N, C-alpha and C. Protein backbone atom coordinates (compact mmCIF):
# COMPACT_ATOMS: atom_id res chain seq x y z
N MET A 1 1.06 -0.99 0.05
CA MET A 1 -0.14 -0.13 -0.22
C MET A 1 0.78 1.39 -0.26
N LYS A 2 0.75 2.16 -0.77
CA LYS A 2 1.18 3.57 -0.34
C LYS A 2 0.75 4.00 0.63
N ARG A 3 1.92 4.99 0.84
CA ARG A 3 1.93 6.38 2.02
C ARG A 3 0.57 6.95 2.21
N SER A 4 0.02 7.33 0.91
CA SER A 4 -0.82 8.42 1.02
C SER A 4 -2.48 7.65 0.93
N THR A 5 -2.60 6.06 0.71
CA THR A 5 -3.63 5.62 0.73
C THR A 5 -3.69 5.18 1.88
N LEU A 6 -2.85 4.73 2.82
CA LEU A 6 -2.79 4.14 4.33
C LEU A 6 -2.80 5.59 5.06
N LEU A 7 -2.32 6.65 4.97
CA LEU A 7 -2.92 7.99 5.61
C LEU A 7 -4.23 7.97 5.65
N LEU A 8 -4.88 7.79 4.15
CA LEU A 8 -6.32 8.37 4.16
C LEU A 8 -6.99 7.29 5.24
N LEU A 9 -6.40 6.13 4.77
CA LEU A 9 -7.83 5.26 5.68
C LEU A 9 -7.40 4.99 7.08
N PHE A 10 -6.53 5.56 7.55
CA PHE A 10 -6.16 5.94 9.00
C PHE A 10 -6.82 7.41 9.41
N VAL A 11 -6.68 8.07 8.55
CA VAL A 11 -7.75 9.56 8.88
C VAL A 11 -9.22 9.00 8.67
N SER A 12 -9.79 8.29 7.76
CA SER A 12 -11.07 7.96 7.28
C SER A 12 -11.63 7.16 8.87
N THR A 13 -10.89 6.32 9.62
CA THR A 13 -11.28 5.40 10.48
C THR A 13 -11.39 6.22 11.71
N MET A 14 -10.51 7.16 11.66
CA MET A 14 -10.41 8.30 12.90
C MET A 14 -11.54 9.27 12.77
N ALA A 15 -12.02 9.45 12.02
CA ALA A 15 -13.07 10.29 11.60
C ALA A 15 -14.49 9.72 12.04
N ALA A 16 -14.18 8.72 11.56
CA ALA A 16 -15.81 7.88 11.37
C ALA A 16 -16.30 7.86 13.29
N PRO A 17 -15.69 7.36 14.18
CA PRO A 17 -16.01 7.67 15.75
C PRO A 17 -16.43 8.99 15.94
N LEU A 18 -15.70 10.27 15.29
CA LEU A 18 -16.13 11.46 15.76
C LEU A 18 -17.30 11.49 15.03
N ALA A 19 -17.74 11.35 13.56
CA ALA A 19 -19.04 11.44 13.20
C ALA A 19 -20.33 10.78 13.92
N VAL A 20 -20.28 9.75 14.45
CA VAL A 20 -20.96 9.27 14.99
C VAL A 20 -21.54 9.63 16.62
N ARG A 21 -20.32 10.15 17.10
CA ARG A 21 -20.58 10.75 18.80
C ARG A 21 -21.34 11.84 18.01
N ALA A 22 -21.12 12.54 16.97
CA ALA A 22 -21.63 14.58 16.76
C ALA A 22 -23.04 13.59 16.08
N GLU A 23 -23.43 12.53 15.76
CA GLU A 23 -24.98 12.55 15.26
C GLU A 23 -25.34 11.78 16.92
N ASP A 24 -24.66 10.90 17.62
CA ASP A 24 -25.22 10.88 18.98
C ASP A 24 -25.78 12.11 20.04
N VAL A 25 -25.35 13.36 19.73
CA VAL A 25 -25.51 14.10 20.54
C VAL A 25 -26.14 14.97 19.77
N ALA A 26 -26.59 14.83 18.53
CA ALA A 26 -27.52 15.68 17.74
C ALA A 26 -29.21 14.83 17.96
N SER A 27 -28.87 13.59 18.19
CA SER A 27 -30.22 13.01 18.43
C SER A 27 -30.74 12.83 19.80
N GLN A 28 -29.76 13.66 20.84
CA GLN A 28 -30.36 13.65 22.12
C GLN A 28 -31.43 15.25 22.40
N PRO A 29 -32.37 14.66 23.21
CA PRO A 29 -33.41 15.88 23.30
C PRO A 29 -32.61 16.87 24.20
N ALA A 30 -32.85 18.02 23.22
CA ALA A 30 -32.15 19.41 24.30
C ALA A 30 -32.37 19.31 25.49
N PRO A 31 -31.68 20.01 26.27
CA PRO A 31 -32.23 20.01 28.11
C PRO A 31 -33.16 20.71 28.34
N ALA A 32 -33.65 20.74 29.27
CA ALA A 32 -35.14 21.66 29.16
C ALA A 32 -34.82 23.24 29.51
N ALA A 33 -35.40 24.20 28.92
CA ALA A 33 -34.93 25.43 29.25
C ALA A 33 -35.94 25.78 30.78
N ARG A 34 -34.77 26.39 31.08
CA ARG A 34 -35.53 27.41 32.83
C ARG A 34 -36.22 28.20 32.05
N PRO A 35 -37.51 28.09 33.05
CA PRO A 35 -38.47 28.75 33.14
C PRO A 35 -37.78 30.46 33.79
N PRO A 36 -38.33 31.59 32.88
CA PRO A 36 -37.74 32.82 32.92
C PRO A 36 -38.62 32.90 34.41
N ALA A 37 -37.54 33.87 35.03
CA ALA A 37 -37.81 34.48 36.69
C ALA A 37 -39.48 35.45 36.15
N PRO A 38 -40.53 35.64 36.96
CA PRO A 38 -41.32 36.36 36.36
C PRO A 38 -41.16 37.62 36.40
N ALA A 39 -41.73 38.70 35.75
CA ALA A 39 -41.58 39.87 35.82
C ALA A 39 -42.07 40.70 37.05
N GLY A 40 -43.21 40.24 37.75
CA GLY A 40 -43.45 40.70 38.78
C GLY A 40 -44.37 39.76 39.46
N VAL A 41 -44.34 40.24 41.09
CA VAL A 41 -45.20 38.87 41.81
C VAL A 41 -46.09 40.18 42.84
N MET A 42 -47.18 39.37 43.28
CA MET A 42 -48.18 39.92 43.88
C MET A 42 -47.60 39.65 45.54
N ILE A 43 -47.80 40.52 46.30
CA ILE A 43 -47.14 40.91 47.72
C ILE A 43 -48.53 40.70 48.48
N ALA A 44 -49.48 41.51 47.98
CA ALA A 44 -50.08 41.54 48.82
C ALA A 44 -51.68 42.42 48.22
N ASP A 45 -52.48 41.61 47.92
CA ASP A 45 -54.16 41.99 47.16
C ASP A 45 -54.88 42.48 48.37
N LEU A 46 -55.22 43.60 48.87
CA LEU A 46 -55.65 43.86 49.69
C LEU A 46 -57.08 43.92 49.58
N ARG A 47 -57.67 43.73 47.93
CA ARG A 47 -59.06 43.92 48.12
C ARG A 47 -59.79 42.55 48.32
N GLY A 48 -60.86 43.15 49.30
CA GLY A 48 -61.82 41.71 49.97
C GLY A 48 -61.10 41.64 50.91
N GLU A 49 -61.10 40.23 51.37
CA GLU A 49 -61.14 40.02 52.70
C GLU A 49 -59.94 38.99 52.96
N GLY A 50 -59.47 38.55 51.85
CA GLY A 50 -58.25 37.30 51.51
C GLY A 50 -57.12 37.82 52.41
N THR A 51 -56.69 38.80 52.56
CA THR A 51 -55.42 39.50 52.84
C THR A 51 -55.48 39.76 54.62
N VAL A 52 -54.96 39.00 55.07
CA VAL A 52 -55.43 39.92 56.64
C VAL A 52 -54.54 40.92 57.19
N ALA A 53 -54.98 41.93 57.96
CA ALA A 53 -54.60 43.08 57.63
C ALA A 53 -54.33 43.60 58.90
N TYR A 54 -53.34 43.71 59.94
CA TYR A 54 -53.44 44.38 61.42
C TYR A 54 -53.46 45.83 61.35
N PRO A 55 -54.36 46.55 61.76
CA PRO A 55 -54.06 47.92 61.68
C PRO A 55 -53.64 48.20 63.22
N TYR A 56 -52.99 49.43 62.97
CA TYR A 56 -51.73 49.89 63.91
C TYR A 56 -51.79 51.62 64.36
N GLY A 57 -51.45 52.17 65.43
CA GLY A 57 -51.47 53.55 65.44
C GLY A 57 -52.99 54.24 65.61
N SER A 58 -53.28 55.34 64.85
CA SER A 58 -54.54 55.75 64.72
C SER A 58 -55.24 55.25 63.90
N TRP A 59 -54.81 54.10 62.89
CA TRP A 59 -55.59 53.32 62.20
C TRP A 59 -56.41 52.44 62.59
N ALA A 60 -55.95 51.59 64.26
CA ALA A 60 -56.49 50.91 64.69
C ALA A 60 -57.94 50.28 64.54
N GLU A 61 -58.69 51.53 64.63
CA GLU A 61 -60.35 51.37 64.58
C GLU A 61 -60.76 52.25 63.70
N ALA A 62 -59.99 52.66 62.89
CA ALA A 62 -60.32 53.36 61.18
C ALA A 62 -60.12 52.85 60.41
N LEU A 63 -60.14 51.51 60.17
CA LEU A 63 -59.82 50.77 58.69
C LEU A 63 -60.81 49.80 58.49
N ASN A 64 -61.63 50.03 57.31
CA ASN A 64 -62.30 49.73 56.68
C ASN A 64 -62.19 48.51 55.85
N ARG A 65 -62.08 47.15 55.55
CA ARG A 65 -62.26 46.15 54.80
C ARG A 65 -63.27 46.06 53.58
N THR A 66 -62.74 46.44 52.55
CA THR A 66 -63.72 46.68 51.55
C THR A 66 -63.56 45.63 50.09
N ALA A 67 -64.43 45.67 49.07
CA ALA A 67 -64.01 45.05 47.77
C ALA A 67 -63.15 45.46 46.94
N ASP A 68 -63.11 47.11 47.26
CA ASP A 68 -61.79 47.84 46.50
C ASP A 68 -60.38 47.45 47.25
N GLY A 69 -60.43 47.47 48.65
CA GLY A 69 -58.99 47.65 49.30
C GLY A 69 -59.29 47.67 50.72
N ILE A 70 -58.35 48.03 51.18
CA ILE A 70 -58.62 48.97 52.98
C ILE A 70 -58.43 50.05 53.07
N ALA A 71 -59.36 50.72 53.31
CA ALA A 71 -59.73 52.09 53.39
C ALA A 71 -59.32 52.62 54.86
N ALA A 72 -58.84 53.86 55.10
CA ALA A 72 -58.53 53.95 56.02
C ALA A 72 -59.24 55.51 55.86
N VAL A 73 -60.03 56.15 56.83
CA VAL A 73 -60.89 56.88 57.26
C VAL A 73 -60.52 57.94 58.24
N GLY A 74 -60.42 59.12 57.29
CA GLY A 74 -60.26 60.14 58.66
C GLY A 74 -61.28 60.40 59.47
N SER A 75 -62.56 60.26 58.86
CA SER A 75 -63.49 60.45 59.39
C SER A 75 -63.75 59.42 60.65
N LYS A 76 -63.23 58.68 60.75
CA LYS A 76 -63.11 58.01 61.78
C LYS A 76 -62.16 57.96 62.72
N GLY A 77 -61.15 58.63 62.52
CA GLY A 77 -59.95 58.66 63.07
C GLY A 77 -58.45 58.42 62.95
N ALA A 78 -58.61 58.03 61.82
CA ALA A 78 -57.21 57.82 60.83
C ALA A 78 -56.36 59.46 60.40
N GLN A 79 -55.28 59.27 60.83
CA GLN A 79 -54.27 60.29 60.55
C GLN A 79 -52.95 59.86 60.07
N GLY A 80 -51.96 60.37 59.88
CA GLY A 80 -50.71 60.25 59.66
C GLY A 80 -50.10 59.20 60.18
N ASP A 81 -50.49 59.24 61.69
CA ASP A 81 -49.60 58.22 62.58
C ASP A 81 -50.23 56.91 63.07
N GLY A 82 -50.35 56.10 61.62
CA GLY A 82 -50.58 54.75 61.62
C GLY A 82 -50.62 54.24 60.15
N GLY A 83 -50.87 52.86 60.81
CA GLY A 83 -50.94 51.79 59.42
C GLY A 83 -51.43 50.73 59.43
N ALA A 84 -51.14 49.90 58.92
CA ALA A 84 -51.38 48.68 58.41
C ALA A 84 -50.49 47.37 58.25
N CYS A 85 -50.14 46.47 58.75
CA CYS A 85 -49.24 45.36 58.19
C CYS A 85 -49.93 43.91 57.83
N GLY A 86 -49.11 42.98 57.20
CA GLY A 86 -49.55 41.77 57.03
C GLY A 86 -48.14 40.76 56.91
N ASN A 87 -48.41 39.62 57.36
CA ASN A 87 -47.50 38.94 57.15
C ASN A 87 -47.58 38.03 56.16
N LEU A 88 -46.39 37.37 55.09
CA LEU A 88 -46.83 37.03 54.04
C LEU A 88 -46.38 35.38 54.18
N PRO A 89 -47.73 34.67 53.89
CA PRO A 89 -47.37 33.29 54.21
C PRO A 89 -46.38 32.41 54.24
N ALA A 90 -45.38 32.46 53.27
CA ALA A 90 -44.02 32.18 53.05
C ALA A 90 -43.13 33.18 52.62
N PRO A 91 -41.87 33.42 53.30
CA PRO A 91 -41.16 34.49 53.06
C PRO A 91 -40.90 34.06 51.07
N MET A 92 -40.55 35.63 50.48
CA MET A 92 -40.42 35.93 49.23
C MET A 92 -39.03 36.33 48.66
N ASP A 93 -38.79 35.68 47.90
CA ASP A 93 -37.53 36.09 47.62
C ASP A 93 -37.81 37.51 46.17
N LEU A 94 -37.11 38.38 46.58
CA LEU A 94 -37.59 39.76 45.78
C LEU A 94 -35.98 40.50 45.20
N SER A 95 -35.16 39.80 45.39
CA SER A 95 -33.92 39.77 45.52
C SER A 95 -33.86 40.17 43.69
N GLY A 96 -34.38 39.79 42.69
CA GLY A 96 -34.22 40.26 41.49
C GLY A 96 -35.22 40.92 40.85
N MET A 97 -35.97 41.67 41.70
CA MET A 97 -36.75 42.76 41.43
C MET A 97 -36.15 44.12 41.61
N THR A 98 -36.77 45.18 40.54
CA THR A 98 -36.47 46.60 40.61
C THR A 98 -37.01 47.58 41.77
N TYR A 99 -38.19 47.30 41.38
CA TYR A 99 -39.34 47.97 42.22
C TYR A 99 -40.17 47.33 43.18
N ILE A 100 -40.92 48.42 44.11
CA ILE A 100 -41.98 47.71 44.58
C ILE A 100 -42.95 48.67 44.31
N GLU A 101 -44.19 48.08 44.05
CA GLU A 101 -45.43 49.10 43.66
C GLU A 101 -46.47 48.98 44.07
N VAL A 102 -47.10 50.12 44.71
CA VAL A 102 -48.52 50.24 45.44
C VAL A 102 -49.55 50.89 44.93
N ALA A 103 -50.93 50.40 44.33
CA ALA A 103 -51.90 50.89 43.81
C ALA A 103 -52.96 51.48 44.82
N LEU A 104 -52.94 52.65 44.77
CA LEU A 104 -53.98 53.16 46.24
C LEU A 104 -54.72 54.50 45.49
N ALA A 105 -55.60 54.86 45.91
CA ALA A 105 -56.44 56.51 45.67
C ALA A 105 -56.74 56.84 47.02
N VAL A 106 -56.63 58.23 46.78
CA VAL A 106 -57.03 59.37 47.86
C VAL A 106 -58.33 59.85 47.72
N GLY A 107 -58.66 59.91 49.14
CA GLY A 107 -60.45 60.56 49.07
C GLY A 107 -60.30 61.80 49.03
N ASN A 108 -61.65 62.75 49.27
CA ASN A 108 -61.91 63.99 49.02
C ASN A 108 -61.17 64.62 50.16
N THR A 109 -61.66 63.97 51.36
CA THR A 109 -60.72 64.84 52.86
C THR A 109 -59.69 64.37 53.28
N ASN A 110 -58.98 63.81 52.37
CA ASN A 110 -57.46 63.29 52.44
C ASN A 110 -56.56 64.65 52.57
N GLU A 111 -55.77 64.54 53.87
CA GLU A 111 -55.03 66.00 54.08
C GLU A 111 -53.71 65.51 54.69
N VAL A 112 -52.94 64.42 54.71
CA VAL A 112 -52.27 63.65 54.93
C VAL A 112 -51.03 63.80 53.41
N PRO A 113 -49.89 64.48 53.08
CA PRO A 113 -49.31 64.53 52.07
C PRO A 113 -48.88 63.55 51.36
N GLU A 114 -48.28 62.64 52.27
CA GLU A 114 -47.53 61.25 51.85
C GLU A 114 -47.58 60.49 52.66
N VAL A 115 -47.56 58.71 52.31
CA VAL A 115 -47.82 57.86 53.01
C VAL A 115 -46.53 56.90 52.62
N THR A 116 -46.32 55.81 53.13
CA THR A 116 -45.22 55.28 53.55
C THR A 116 -45.66 53.51 53.16
N VAL A 117 -44.59 52.83 52.38
CA VAL A 117 -44.80 51.67 52.22
C VAL A 117 -43.54 50.47 52.55
N ALA A 118 -43.56 49.76 53.38
CA ALA A 118 -42.59 49.05 53.82
C ALA A 118 -42.38 47.50 54.04
N VAL A 119 -41.38 46.89 53.83
CA VAL A 119 -41.42 45.35 53.78
C VAL A 119 -40.30 45.28 55.21
N GLY A 120 -40.51 44.02 55.51
CA GLY A 120 -39.71 43.54 56.61
C GLY A 120 -39.18 42.01 55.77
N ASP A 121 -38.19 41.65 56.97
CA ASP A 121 -37.46 40.03 56.28
C ASP A 121 -37.57 39.33 58.01
N THR A 122 -37.15 38.00 57.46
CA THR A 122 -37.23 37.23 58.68
C THR A 122 -36.39 37.37 60.18
N ASP A 123 -35.93 38.01 59.74
CA ASP A 123 -35.07 38.76 60.67
C ASP A 123 -35.63 40.29 61.27
N GLU A 124 -36.70 40.61 60.73
CA GLU A 124 -37.01 41.73 61.45
C GLU A 124 -36.90 42.99 61.19
N THR A 125 -35.63 43.00 60.01
CA THR A 125 -35.54 44.12 59.74
C THR A 125 -36.88 44.87 58.69
N MET A 126 -36.48 46.43 58.70
CA MET A 126 -37.33 47.08 58.03
C MET A 126 -36.53 47.79 57.10
N ALA A 127 -37.24 48.14 55.84
CA ALA A 127 -37.17 49.41 54.97
C ALA A 127 -38.22 49.88 54.25
N SER A 128 -37.99 51.27 54.38
CA SER A 128 -39.73 51.68 54.09
C SER A 128 -38.86 52.68 52.80
N ALA A 129 -40.27 53.38 52.39
CA ALA A 129 -40.26 54.32 51.66
C ALA A 129 -41.21 55.13 51.04
N ARG A 130 -41.12 56.51 51.01
CA ARG A 130 -42.70 57.45 50.99
C ARG A 130 -42.83 57.79 49.67
N ILE A 131 -43.99 58.03 49.54
CA ILE A 131 -44.99 58.35 48.30
C ILE A 131 -45.59 59.84 48.78
N ARG A 132 -45.29 60.39 47.52
CA ARG A 132 -46.38 61.77 48.05
C ARG A 132 -47.77 61.73 47.25
N VAL A 133 -48.62 61.53 47.84
CA VAL A 133 -49.89 61.65 47.53
C VAL A 133 -51.00 63.02 47.57
N ASP A 134 -50.30 63.94 47.95
CA ASP A 134 -51.02 65.33 47.85
C ASP A 134 -51.56 65.85 46.77
N GLN A 135 -50.77 65.44 45.52
CA GLN A 135 -51.20 65.92 44.12
C GLN A 135 -52.14 65.00 43.37
N LEU A 136 -52.63 63.66 43.82
CA LEU A 136 -53.71 62.92 43.41
C LEU A 136 -54.83 63.50 43.13
N VAL A 137 -55.72 62.92 42.04
CA VAL A 137 -56.96 63.59 42.07
C VAL A 137 -57.81 62.27 42.70
N PRO A 138 -58.65 62.83 43.72
CA PRO A 138 -59.24 62.21 44.34
C PRO A 138 -60.30 60.90 43.65
N SER A 139 -59.84 59.76 44.08
CA SER A 139 -61.19 58.62 43.74
C SER A 139 -60.60 58.05 42.40
N GLN A 140 -59.32 58.45 42.23
CA GLN A 140 -58.80 57.95 40.95
C GLN A 140 -57.79 56.76 41.42
N PRO A 141 -57.60 55.31 41.05
CA PRO A 141 -56.74 54.67 41.83
C PRO A 141 -55.46 54.85 40.66
N VAL A 142 -54.24 54.53 41.33
CA VAL A 142 -53.09 55.18 40.70
C VAL A 142 -52.22 53.76 41.02
N TRP A 143 -50.88 53.26 40.24
CA TRP A 143 -49.93 52.36 40.69
C TRP A 143 -48.93 53.50 40.81
N PHE A 144 -48.14 53.55 41.96
CA PHE A 144 -46.80 53.92 42.36
C PHE A 144 -45.68 53.11 42.19
N ARG A 145 -44.80 53.49 41.56
CA ARG A 145 -43.20 52.76 41.54
C ARG A 145 -42.43 53.28 42.13
N VAL A 146 -42.00 52.31 42.92
CA VAL A 146 -40.70 52.90 44.06
C VAL A 146 -39.67 52.19 43.83
N PRO A 147 -38.34 52.23 43.30
CA PRO A 147 -37.34 52.11 43.37
C PRO A 147 -36.94 51.35 44.40
N ILE A 148 -36.41 49.65 44.59
CA ILE A 148 -36.24 49.13 45.53
C ILE A 148 -34.43 50.21 46.29
N SER A 149 -33.94 50.48 45.60
CA SER A 149 -32.84 51.17 45.82
C SER A 149 -33.08 52.34 46.70
N SER A 150 -34.34 53.17 46.39
CA SER A 150 -34.56 54.15 47.20
C SER A 150 -35.10 53.80 48.91
N PHE A 151 -35.01 52.54 49.16
CA PHE A 151 -35.69 52.24 50.48
C PHE A 151 -34.84 52.28 51.40
N VAL A 152 -35.22 52.89 52.50
CA VAL A 152 -34.40 53.25 54.05
C VAL A 152 -34.38 52.11 54.79
N LEU A 153 -33.35 51.66 55.31
CA LEU A 153 -33.84 50.73 56.31
C LEU A 153 -34.07 51.52 57.45
N GLY A 154 -34.74 50.68 58.51
CA GLY A 154 -35.23 51.46 59.94
C GLY A 154 -33.90 51.55 60.63
N THR A 155 -34.29 52.15 61.67
CA THR A 155 -33.32 51.64 62.80
C THR A 155 -33.84 51.67 64.02
N GLY A 156 -33.36 51.23 65.16
CA GLY A 156 -33.37 51.08 66.42
C GLY A 156 -34.16 49.58 66.53
N LYS A 157 -35.55 49.36 66.95
CA LYS A 157 -36.23 48.25 66.92
C LYS A 157 -36.56 47.36 65.45
N TYR A 158 -36.69 48.39 64.55
CA TYR A 158 -36.34 48.03 63.27
C TYR A 158 -35.29 47.93 62.25
N ALA A 159 -34.18 47.48 62.95
CA ALA A 159 -32.97 47.66 62.50
C ALA A 159 -32.73 45.65 62.50
N GLY A 160 -33.26 44.88 62.93
CA GLY A 160 -33.45 43.54 62.94
C GLY A 160 -31.73 43.27 64.03
N LYS A 161 -31.66 42.24 63.45
CA LYS A 161 -30.48 41.47 64.51
C LYS A 161 -29.51 41.49 63.67
N VAL A 162 -29.37 41.50 62.24
CA VAL A 162 -28.51 41.49 61.28
C VAL A 162 -28.38 42.41 60.34
N PRO A 163 -27.68 43.44 60.04
CA PRO A 163 -27.37 44.35 59.76
C PRO A 163 -27.87 44.12 57.51
N GLY A 164 -29.13 45.16 57.34
CA GLY A 164 -29.34 45.06 56.17
C GLY A 164 -30.61 44.32 55.75
N LEU A 165 -31.30 44.38 55.48
CA LEU A 165 -32.67 43.58 54.95
C LEU A 165 -32.34 42.78 53.76
N ASP A 166 -32.83 41.47 54.50
CA ASP A 166 -32.46 40.24 53.19
C ASP A 166 -33.78 40.15 52.30
N TRP A 167 -33.21 40.86 51.06
CA TRP A 167 -34.79 40.82 49.86
C TRP A 167 -34.92 39.17 49.53
N THR A 168 -34.16 38.46 50.04
CA THR A 168 -34.29 36.99 49.64
C THR A 168 -35.32 36.46 50.35
N LYS A 169 -35.44 37.10 51.66
CA LYS A 169 -36.36 36.64 52.65
C LYS A 169 -37.60 37.38 53.32
N VAL A 170 -38.04 38.25 52.42
CA VAL A 170 -38.98 39.22 52.69
C VAL A 170 -40.69 38.36 53.27
N ALA A 171 -40.69 38.68 54.66
CA ALA A 171 -42.13 37.87 55.07
C ALA A 171 -43.12 39.02 56.07
N GLN A 172 -43.22 40.48 55.67
CA GLN A 172 -43.93 41.21 56.02
C GLN A 172 -44.01 42.46 55.43
N TRP A 173 -45.48 42.89 54.98
CA TRP A 173 -45.67 43.92 54.44
C TRP A 173 -46.34 45.15 55.04
N HIS A 174 -46.26 46.64 55.39
CA HIS A 174 -46.74 47.31 55.70
C HIS A 174 -47.14 48.62 54.54
N VAL A 175 -48.18 48.99 55.54
CA VAL A 175 -48.98 50.28 54.64
C VAL A 175 -48.57 51.68 55.84
N GLN A 176 -48.46 52.67 55.80
CA GLN A 176 -48.61 53.35 56.68
C GLN A 176 -48.61 55.33 56.12
N GLY A 177 -49.12 55.86 57.27
CA GLY A 177 -49.16 57.39 56.94
C GLY A 177 -47.63 57.69 57.02
N ASP A 178 -47.32 59.14 56.81
CA ASP A 178 -46.14 59.57 57.70
C ASP A 178 -45.44 59.80 58.92
N TRP A 179 -46.50 59.70 59.78
CA TRP A 179 -46.15 59.65 61.21
C TRP A 179 -45.81 61.51 61.51
N ALA A 180 -46.00 62.16 60.77
CA ALA A 180 -45.95 63.43 60.98
C ALA A 180 -47.14 64.18 61.18
N THR A 181 -48.11 63.83 60.36
CA THR A 181 -49.31 64.71 59.91
C THR A 181 -50.39 64.26 61.28
N LYS A 182 -50.75 65.36 61.88
CA LYS A 182 -52.07 64.73 62.77
C LYS A 182 -53.25 65.66 61.87
N LYS A 183 -53.78 65.16 60.98
CA LYS A 183 -54.52 65.71 59.98
C LYS A 183 -55.62 64.39 59.78
N PRO A 184 -56.74 64.73 58.99
CA PRO A 184 -57.55 63.58 58.59
C PRO A 184 -56.67 62.69 57.54
N LEU A 185 -56.81 61.65 57.27
CA LEU A 185 -56.14 60.69 56.39
C LEU A 185 -57.28 59.80 55.51
N GLN A 186 -57.44 59.99 54.00
CA GLN A 186 -58.26 59.16 53.69
C GLN A 186 -57.72 58.76 52.27
N VAL A 187 -57.16 57.24 52.60
CA VAL A 187 -56.73 56.89 51.38
C VAL A 187 -57.22 55.15 51.46
N LEU A 188 -57.29 54.85 50.37
CA LEU A 188 -57.62 53.35 49.96
C LEU A 188 -56.55 52.69 49.34
N PHE A 189 -55.74 51.68 50.02
CA PHE A 189 -54.74 50.64 49.53
C PHE A 189 -55.11 49.75 48.70
N ILE A 190 -54.82 49.02 47.94
CA ILE A 190 -55.63 48.08 46.62
C ILE A 190 -54.41 46.82 46.73
N ALA A 191 -53.47 47.17 46.58
CA ALA A 191 -52.56 45.87 46.22
C ALA A 191 -50.80 46.81 46.42
N ILE A 192 -50.34 45.78 46.85
CA ILE A 192 -48.61 45.60 47.05
C ILE A 192 -47.95 44.77 46.00
N ARG A 193 -47.45 45.06 45.46
CA ARG A 193 -46.34 44.01 44.37
C ARG A 193 -45.32 44.41 43.87
N ALA A 194 -44.12 43.25 43.52
CA ALA A 194 -42.74 43.95 43.28
C ALA A 194 -42.84 43.60 41.79
N HIS A 195 -41.70 44.22 41.21
CA HIS A 195 -41.39 44.23 39.55
C HIS A 195 -40.23 44.25 39.14
N ARG A 196 -39.90 44.07 38.27
CA ARG A 196 -38.12 44.24 37.65
C ARG A 196 -38.50 45.10 37.11
């Protein structure tokens, strides 16, 4: 046999197993694609009676549960120094989210300029952000989008045991007044969600 023929035979026998391996791989089913993370998650749907809410401060006796949400009503005594909170059924991982969004509407007699949205982790650390509501058209529900980066960590008993809020273990939500205005508050809180 000539050297070139021997070389060709050697190359073709080496290439054959590679071709089989490539075919084997091509016939294998592709690995299942990992589903994308949701663009948004509901933290608390406050419409109806489904989500338990605990009022405190001046809202303790001034909160109405309605089909439309939680209504803090000034004529019953709600002012800026009150709030409502709830525990999540299981800790939520919000670490991939960019915003916390709050759906709310103000009433005709609202005199409190800001409300607060807050979340707490399993370590009892709380972080909160203020939302200006004094320019809203009464009775017109809107979604407010607050960047997670603008949330301020709590101090004192709201600082938790480990520094910083663990966004992978959010366990509680809060909606509150501004804690500074002793005037009638009239706000309907509809829902809280996180969004990318």
